[in-house]
Amino acid sequence: MNKKPTMVPKDIQYIETLGSPFIGFYDLLMINKHYKCTDICRGPSSCKNYGFPHPRDCKKCICPSGYGGPLCDRKPDGCGAELVATDKWQTLKDDLGDRKAGGYPREDFMKCNYWIKAPAGKKVQVKFVSFSQGVATDGCPYAGVEIKTHADQRLTGYRLCSEDDKDTILTSTSNIVPVITYNRIYATVTTLEYRYI
């Protein structure tokens, strides 16, 4: 054995995303297209942010991660917040999970969704500052943070859960960056910094 990874993503920032327990939005879309579920709703779609009509209720949309509401034009309900970036670094600190939980993972995930917004025409930078120790493993299957900076918001964002990722800076292509923290074990703390450029 040469102790090198079996598989390496073309975009090396995705290294912590490989092996993730979540289905990707493109996979979900592909399954719906394969079984012709996307053909059920007739007429033009009113879904935003690359969502597609829900085959059991065409007035609602199935949204990429980080988006919610009937038309995928809002932050998903639940914990998290809409944050307004400035040209100075600000801190986002997210504490998520069950402090009373033992070391065994739950079946379900707790999630918080944040939207970091900048003025129109500006881009958002997000810096990974720190994450609780003890959960870093390939695919971040127990807890982590997903940061969506791509132009195509159907793509899974970069997932991070290791102190090795400290000081990683991601720059968006638009003025909104969805950030999703997730956890299925004891409480973890994510610390990020953000600003616009």
C-alpha atoms as a PDB file:
ATOM      1  CA  MET A   1       0.000   0.000   0.000  1.00  0.00           C
ATOM      2  CA  ASN A   2       1.288   3.459  -0.908  1.00  0.00           C
ATOM      3  CA  LYS A   3      -0.946   5.314   1.634  1.00  0.00           C
ATOM      4  CA  LYS A   4      -2.231   7.637  -1.104  1.00  0.00           C
ATOM      5  CA  PRO A   5      -5.950   8.327  -1.592  1.00  0.00           C
ATOM      6  CA  THR A   6      -7.826   5.898  -3.833  1.00  0.00           C
ATOM      7  CA  MET A   7      -9.750   8.721  -5.432  1.00  0.00           C
ATOM      8  CA  VAL A   8      -9.082  12.456  -5.613  1.00  0.00           C
ATOM      9  CA  PRO A   9     -11.656  14.971  -6.912  1.00  0.00           C
ATOM     10  CA  LYS A  10     -10.780  17.182  -9.866  1.00  0.00           C
ATOM     11  CA  ASP A  11     -11.532  20.190  -7.630  1.00  0.00           C
ATOM     12  CA  ILE A  12      -9.382  19.430  -4.572  1.00  0.00           C
ATOM     13  CA  GLN A  13     -11.654  21.564  -2.360  1.00  0.00           C
ATOM     14  CA  TYR A  14     -14.163  18.686  -2.623  1.00  0.00           C
ATOM     15  CA  ILE A  15     -11.835  16.247  -0.812  1.00  0.00           C
ATOM     16  CA  GLU A  16     -13.860  16.473   2.440  1.00  0.00           C
ATOM     17  CA  THR A  17     -17.132  16.113   0.520  1.00  0.00           C
ATOM     18  CA  LEU A  18     -16.377  12.647  -0.892  1.00  0.00           C
ATOM     19  CA  GLY A  19     -18.253  10.021   1.109  1.00  0.00           C
ATOM     20  CA  SER A  20     -20.803  12.484   2.452  1.00  0.00           C
ATOM     21  CA  PRO A  21     -24.077  10.994   3.780  1.00  0.00           C
ATOM     22  CA  PHE A  22     -26.277  13.456   1.836  1.00  0.00           C
ATOM     23  CA  ILE A  23     -27.668  12.919  -1.642  1.00  0.00           C
ATOM     24  CA  GLY A  24     -26.545  15.621  -4.061  1.00  0.00           C
ATOM     25  CA  PHE A  25     -29.184  17.784  -5.738  1.00  0.00           C
ATOM     26  CA  TYR A  26     -28.023  16.693  -9.213  1.00  0.00           C
ATOM     27  CA  ASP A  27     -28.506  13.049  -8.148  1.00  0.00           C
ATOM     28  CA  LEU A  28     -32.027  13.842  -6.944  1.00  0.00           C
ATOM     29  CA  LEU A  29     -32.791  15.680 -10.190  1.00  0.00           C
ATOM     30  CA  MET A  30     -31.346  12.818 -12.266  1.00  0.00           C
ATOM     31  CA  ILE A  31     -33.527  10.235 -10.468  1.00  0.00           C
ATOM     32  CA  ASN A  32     -36.625  12.393 -11.005  1.00  0.00           C
ATOM     33  CA  LYS A  33     -35.781  12.798 -14.706  1.00  0.00           C
ATOM     34  CA  HIS A  34     -35.056   9.079 -15.132  1.00  0.00           C
ATOM     35  CA  TYR A  35     -38.464   8.108 -13.752  1.00  0.00           C
ATOM     36  CA  LYS A  36     -40.106  10.973 -15.693  1.00  0.00           C
ATOM     37  CA  CYS A  37     -41.321  12.666 -12.500  1.00  0.00           C
ATOM     38  CA  THR A  38     -40.220  16.011 -13.956  1.00  0.00           C
ATOM     39  CA  ASP A  39     -42.710  15.495 -16.831  1.00  0.00           C
ATOM     40  CA  ILE A  40     -45.735  15.496 -14.503  1.00  0.00           C
ATOM     41  CA  CYS A  41     -45.929  19.271 -14.011  1.00  0.00           C
ATOM     42  CA  ARG A  42     -46.910  21.057 -17.237  1.00  0.00           C
ATOM     43  CA  GLY A  43     -46.116  24.614 -18.227  1.00  0.00           C
ATOM     44  CA  PRO A  44     -43.263  26.886 -17.240  1.00  0.00           C
ATOM     45  CA  SER A  45     -41.748  26.468 -13.803  1.00  0.00           C
ATOM     46  CA  SER A  46     -41.805  29.331 -11.315  1.00  0.00           C
ATOM     47  CA  CYS A  47     -39.050  27.716  -9.225  1.00  0.00           C
ATOM     48  CA  LYS A  48     -36.055  29.919  -8.449  1.00  0.00           C
ATOM     49  CA  ASN A  49     -32.405  29.070  -7.803  1.00  0.00           C
ATOM     50  CA  TYR A  50     -32.477  25.971 -10.014  1.00  0.00           C
ATOM     51  CA  GLY A  51     -35.262  24.238  -8.093  1.00  0.00           C
ATOM     52  CA  PHE A  52     -37.763  22.062  -9.974  1.00  0.00           C
ATOM     53  CA  PRO A  53     -41.524  21.488  -9.517  1.00  0.00           C
ATOM     54  CA  HIS A  54     -42.493  18.883  -6.942  1.00  0.00           C
ATOM     55  CA  PRO A  55     -44.218  16.066  -8.879  1.00  0.00           C
ATOM     56  CA  ARG A  56     -46.853  15.595  -6.125  1.00  0.00           C
ATOM     57  CA  ASP A  57     -47.629  19.328  -5.801  1.00  0.00           C
ATOM     58  CA  CYS A  58     -46.675  21.397  -8.851  1.00  0.00           C
ATOM     59  CA  LYS A  59     -47.150  24.671  -6.935  1.00  0.00           C
ATOM     60  CA  LYS A  60     -44.184  23.768  -4.723  1.00  0.00           C
ATOM     61  CA  CYS A  61     -40.564  23.278  -5.665  1.00  0.00           C
ATOM     62  CA  ILE A  62     -37.827  20.850  -4.694  1.00  0.00           C
ATOM     63  CA  CYS A  63     -34.888  23.069  -3.803  1.00  0.00           C
ATOM     64  CA  PRO A  64     -31.107  22.749  -3.794  1.00  0.00           C
ATOM     65  CA  SER A  65     -29.561  22.681  -0.317  1.00  0.00           C
ATOM     66  CA  GLY A  66     -29.518  26.107   1.284  1.00  0.00           C
ATOM     67  CA  TYR A  67     -32.777  27.210  -0.357  1.00  0.00           C
ATOM     68  CA  GLY A  68     -36.373  26.919   0.858  1.00  0.00           C
ATOM     69  CA  GLY A  69     -39.886  28.263   0.615  1.00  0.00           C
ATOM     70  CA  PRO A  70     -42.453  27.149  -1.962  1.00  0.00           C
ATOM     71  CA  LEU A  71     -40.362  28.645  -4.816  1.00  0.00           C
ATOM     72  CA  CYS A  72     -36.783  28.149  -3.498  1.00  0.00           C
ATOM     73  CA  ASP A  73     -36.389  31.903  -3.098  1.00  0.00           C
ATOM     74  CA  ARG A  74     -35.958  31.983   0.690  1.00  0.00           C
ATOM     75  CA  LYS A  75     -33.668  30.718   3.385  1.00  0.00           C
ATOM     76  CA  PRO A  76     -35.027  27.390   4.643  1.00  0.00           C
ATOM     77  CA  ASP A  77     -37.091  27.557   7.827  1.00  0.00           C
ATOM     78  CA  GLY A  78     -35.496  26.692  11.139  1.00  0.00           C
ATOM     79  CA  CYS A  79     -32.330  27.845  12.838  1.00  0.00           C
ATOM     80  CA  GLY A  80     -29.802  30.080  11.146  1.00  0.00           C
ATOM     81  CA  ALA A  81     -30.106  33.661   9.950  1.00  0.00           C
ATOM     82  CA  GLU A  82     -29.719  36.056   7.050  1.00  0.00           C
ATOM     83  CA  LEU A  83     -26.440  37.893   7.573  1.00  0.00           C
ATOM     84  CA  VAL A  84     -25.373  41.107   5.858  1.00  0.00           C
ATOM     85  CA  ALA A  85     -21.729  41.211   4.838  1.00  0.00           C
ATOM     86  CA  THR A  86     -19.673  44.403   4.976  1.00  0.00           C
ATOM     87  CA  ASP A  87     -16.189  45.087   3.614  1.00  0.00           C
ATOM     88  CA  LYS A  88     -14.768  44.143   7.059  1.00  0.00           C
ATOM     89  CA  TRP A  89     -14.476  40.577   8.328  1.00  0.00           C
ATOM     90  CA  GLN A  90     -17.388  39.568  10.600  1.00  0.00           C
ATOM     91  CA  THR A  91     -17.754  36.339  12.571  1.00  0.00           C
ATOM     92  CA  LEU A  92     -20.379  33.619  12.254  1.00  0.00           C
ATOM     93  CA  LYS A  93     -20.301  31.193  15.186  1.00  0.00           C
ATOM     94  CA  ASP A  94     -22.730  28.278  15.064  1.00  0.00           C
ATOM     95  CA  ASP A  95     -23.235  25.890  18.007  1.00  0.00           C
ATOM     96  CA  LEU A  96     -25.223  22.847  16.895  1.00  0.00           C
ATOM     97  CA  GLY A  97     -25.978  19.413  18.320  1.00  0.00           C
ATOM     98  CA  ASP A  98     -26.991  17.771  21.554  1.00  0.00           C
ATOM     99  CA  ARG A  99     -24.725  18.512  24.510  1.00  0.00           C
ATOM    100  CA  LYS A 100     -26.189  15.520  26.374  1.00  0.00           C
ATOM    101  CA  ALA A 101     -25.593  13.077  23.520  1.00  0.00           C
ATOM    102  CA  GLY A 102     -22.981  10.403  23.817  1.00  0.00           C
ATOM    103  CA  GLY A 103     -20.528   9.442  21.122  1.00  0.00           C
ATOM    104  CA  TYR A 104     -23.017   7.468  19.031  1.00  0.00           C
ATOM    105  CA  PRO A 105     -24.406   9.185  15.931  1.00  0.00           C
ATOM    106  CA  ARG A 106     -28.135   9.839  15.602  1.00  0.00           C
ATOM    107  CA  GLU A 107     -29.974   8.623  12.534  1.00  0.00           C
ATOM    108  CA  ASP A 108     -31.184  12.130  11.651  1.00  0.00           C
ATOM    109  CA  PHE A 109     -29.269  15.382  11.199  1.00  0.00           C
ATOM    110  CA  MET A 110     -29.826  18.726  12.852  1.00  0.00           C
ATOM    111  CA  LYS A 111     -29.235  21.528  10.330  1.00  0.00           C
ATOM    112  CA  CYS A 112     -29.002  25.311  10.432  1.00  0.00           C
ATOM    113  CA  ASN A 113     -29.120  27.455   7.304  1.00  0.00           C
ATOM    114  CA  TYR A 114     -27.513  30.854   6.908  1.00  0.00           C
ATOM    115  CA  TRP A 115     -27.572  33.236   3.981  1.00  0.00           C
ATOM    116  CA  ILE A 116     -24.652  35.628   3.774  1.00  0.00           C
ATOM    117  CA  LYS A 117     -25.708  38.568   1.601  1.00  0.00           C
ATOM    118  CA  ALA A 118     -23.662  41.324  -0.010  1.00  0.00           C
ATOM    119  CA  PRO A 119     -24.770  44.339  -2.070  1.00  0.00           C
ATOM    120  CA  ALA A 120     -25.603  43.654  -5.721  1.00  0.00           C
ATOM    121  CA  GLY A 121     -22.460  43.395  -7.842  1.00  0.00           C
ATOM    122  CA  LYS A 122     -20.273  42.330  -4.908  1.00  0.00           C
ATOM    123  CA  LYS A 123     -18.908  38.872  -4.084  1.00  0.00           C
ATOM    124  CA  VAL A 124     -18.824  37.192  -0.695  1.00  0.00           C
ATOM    125  CA  GLN A 125     -15.677  35.717   0.834  1.00  0.00           C
ATOM    126  CA  VAL A 126     -16.004  33.098   3.570  1.00  0.00           C
ATOM    127  CA  LYS A 127     -13.036  32.019   5.683  1.00  0.00           C
ATOM    128  CA  PHE A 128     -13.082  28.725   7.607  1.00  0.00           C
ATOM    129  CA  VAL A 129     -11.687  29.642  11.039  1.00  0.00           C
ATOM    130  CA  SER A 130     -12.309  26.567  13.193  1.00  0.00           C
ATOM    131  CA  PHE A 131     -14.450  23.525  13.858  1.00  0.00           C
ATOM    132  CA  SER A 132     -14.815  21.340  16.948  1.00  0.00           C
ATOM    133  CA  GLN A 133     -12.202  18.621  17.173  1.00  0.00           C
ATOM    134  CA  GLY A 134     -12.940  14.911  17.197  1.00  0.00           C
ATOM    135  CA  VAL A 135     -15.253  14.659  14.177  1.00  0.00           C
ATOM    136  CA  ALA A 136     -12.832  15.103  11.272  1.00  0.00           C
ATOM    137  CA  THR A 137     -13.145  12.106   8.968  1.00  0.00           C
ATOM    138  CA  ASP A 138     -13.488  11.631   5.216  1.00  0.00           C
ATOM    139  CA  GLY A 139     -16.846  12.875   3.970  1.00  0.00           C
ATOM    140  CA  CYS A 140     -17.640  14.744   7.203  1.00  0.00           C
ATOM    141  CA  PRO A 141     -20.413  12.187   7.945  1.00  0.00           C
ATOM    142  CA  TYR A 142     -21.058  13.230  11.566  1.00  0.00           C
ATOM    143  CA  ALA A 143     -20.929  17.019  11.527  1.00  0.00           C
ATOM    144  CA  GLY A 144     -19.631  19.798   9.331  1.00  0.00           C
ATOM    145  CA  VAL A 145     -20.369  22.923   7.354  1.00  0.00           C
ATOM    146  CA  GLU A 146     -21.309  23.250   3.678  1.00  0.00           C
ATOM    147  CA  ILE A 147     -20.425  26.542   1.968  1.00  0.00           C
ATOM    148  CA  LYS A 148     -22.038  27.171  -1.437  1.00  0.00           C
ATOM    149  CA  THR A 149     -20.011  29.598  -3.540  1.00  0.00           C
ATOM    150  CA  HIS A 150     -20.526  28.207  -7.076  1.00  0.00           C
ATOM    151  CA  ALA A 151     -22.480  29.990  -9.803  1.00  0.00           C
ATOM    152  CA  ASP A 152     -24.508  26.794 -10.256  1.00  0.00           C
ATOM    153  CA  GLN A 153     -26.254  26.440  -6.901  1.00  0.00           C
ATOM    154  CA  ARG A 154     -27.398  22.927  -7.826  1.00  0.00           C
ATOM    155  CA  LEU A 155     -23.849  21.805  -7.077  1.00  0.00           C
ATOM    156  CA  THR A 156     -23.065  20.608  -3.584  1.00  0.00           C
ATOM    157  CA  GLY A 157     -21.050  23.212  -1.721  1.00  0.00           C
ATOM    158  CA  TYR A 158     -17.659  22.534  -0.217  1.00  0.00           C
ATOM    159  CA  ARG A 159     -18.003  20.573   3.026  1.00  0.00           C
ATOM    160  CA  LEU A 160     -15.483  21.117   5.797  1.00  0.00           C
ATOM    161  CA  CYS A 161     -15.079  19.543   9.242  1.00  0.00           C
ATOM    162  CA  SER A 162     -11.354  19.487   9.983  1.00  0.00           C
ATOM    163  CA  GLU A 163      -8.890  21.857  11.588  1.00  0.00           C
ATOM    164  CA  ASP A 164      -6.696  21.036   8.558  1.00  0.00           C
ATOM    165  CA  ASP A 165      -9.019  23.320   6.579  1.00  0.00           C
ATOM    166  CA  LYS A 166      -8.279  26.306   8.829  1.00  0.00           C
ATOM    167  CA  ASP A 167      -7.866  29.587   6.926  1.00  0.00           C
ATOM    168  CA  THR A 168      -9.434  28.195   3.740  1.00  0.00           C
ATOM    169  CA  ILE A 169     -11.046  31.153   1.947  1.00  0.00           C
ATOM    170  CA  LEU A 170     -13.856  30.595  -0.543  1.00  0.00           C
ATOM    171  CA  THR A 171     -15.068  33.371  -2.854  1.00  0.00           C
ATOM    172  CA  SER A 172     -18.567  33.390  -4.318  1.00  0.00           C
ATOM    173  CA  THR A 173     -19.623  34.186  -7.852  1.00  0.00           C
ATOM    174  CA  SER A 174     -22.733  36.055  -6.658  1.00  0.00           C
ATOM    175  CA  ASN A 175     -23.854  38.220  -3.762  1.00  0.00           C
ATOM    176  CA  ILE A 176     -25.546  35.422  -1.763  1.00  0.00           C
ATOM    177  CA  VAL A 177     -23.788  32.462  -0.146  1.00  0.00           C
ATOM    178  CA  PRO A 178     -25.847  29.759   1.554  1.00  0.00           C
ATOM    179  CA  VAL A 179     -24.031  28.165   4.507  1.00  0.00           C
ATOM    180  CA  ILE A 180     -25.419  24.953   5.999  1.00  0.00           C
ATOM    181  CA  THR A 181     -24.171  23.550   9.304  1.00  0.00           C
ATOM    182  CA  TYR A 182     -25.158  19.980  10.127  1.00  0.00           C
ATOM    183  CA  ASN A 183     -24.701  17.574  13.008  1.00  0.00           C
ATOM    184  CA  ARG A 184     -25.825  14.143  14.186  1.00  0.00           C
ATOM    185  CA  ILE A 185     -23.613  13.737  17.256  1.00  0.00           C
ATOM    186  CA  TYR A 186     -22.668  15.745  20.343  1.00  0.00           C
ATOM    187  CA  ALA A 187     -22.547  19.540  20.068  1.00  0.00           C
ATOM    188  CA  THR A 188     -20.054  21.037  17.626  1.00  0.00           C
ATOM    189  CA  VAL A 189     -19.052  24.637  17.011  1.00  0.00           C
ATOM    190  CA  THR A 190     -18.361  26.090  13.570  1.00  0.00           C
ATOM    191  CA  THR A 191     -16.558  29.429  13.349  1.00  0.00           C
ATOM    192  CA  LEU A 192     -16.412  31.299  10.042  1.00  0.00           C
ATOM    193  CA  GLU A 193     -15.555  34.838   9.003  1.00  0.00           C
ATOM    194  CA  TYR A 194     -17.187  36.602   6.074  1.00  0.00           C
ATOM    195  CA  ARG A 195     -17.024  39.872   4.141  1.00  0.00           C
ATOM    196  CA  TYR A 196     -17.755  41.202   0.675  1.00  0.00           C
ATOM    197  CA  ILE A 197     -15.222  42.209  -1.957  1.00  0.00           C
END
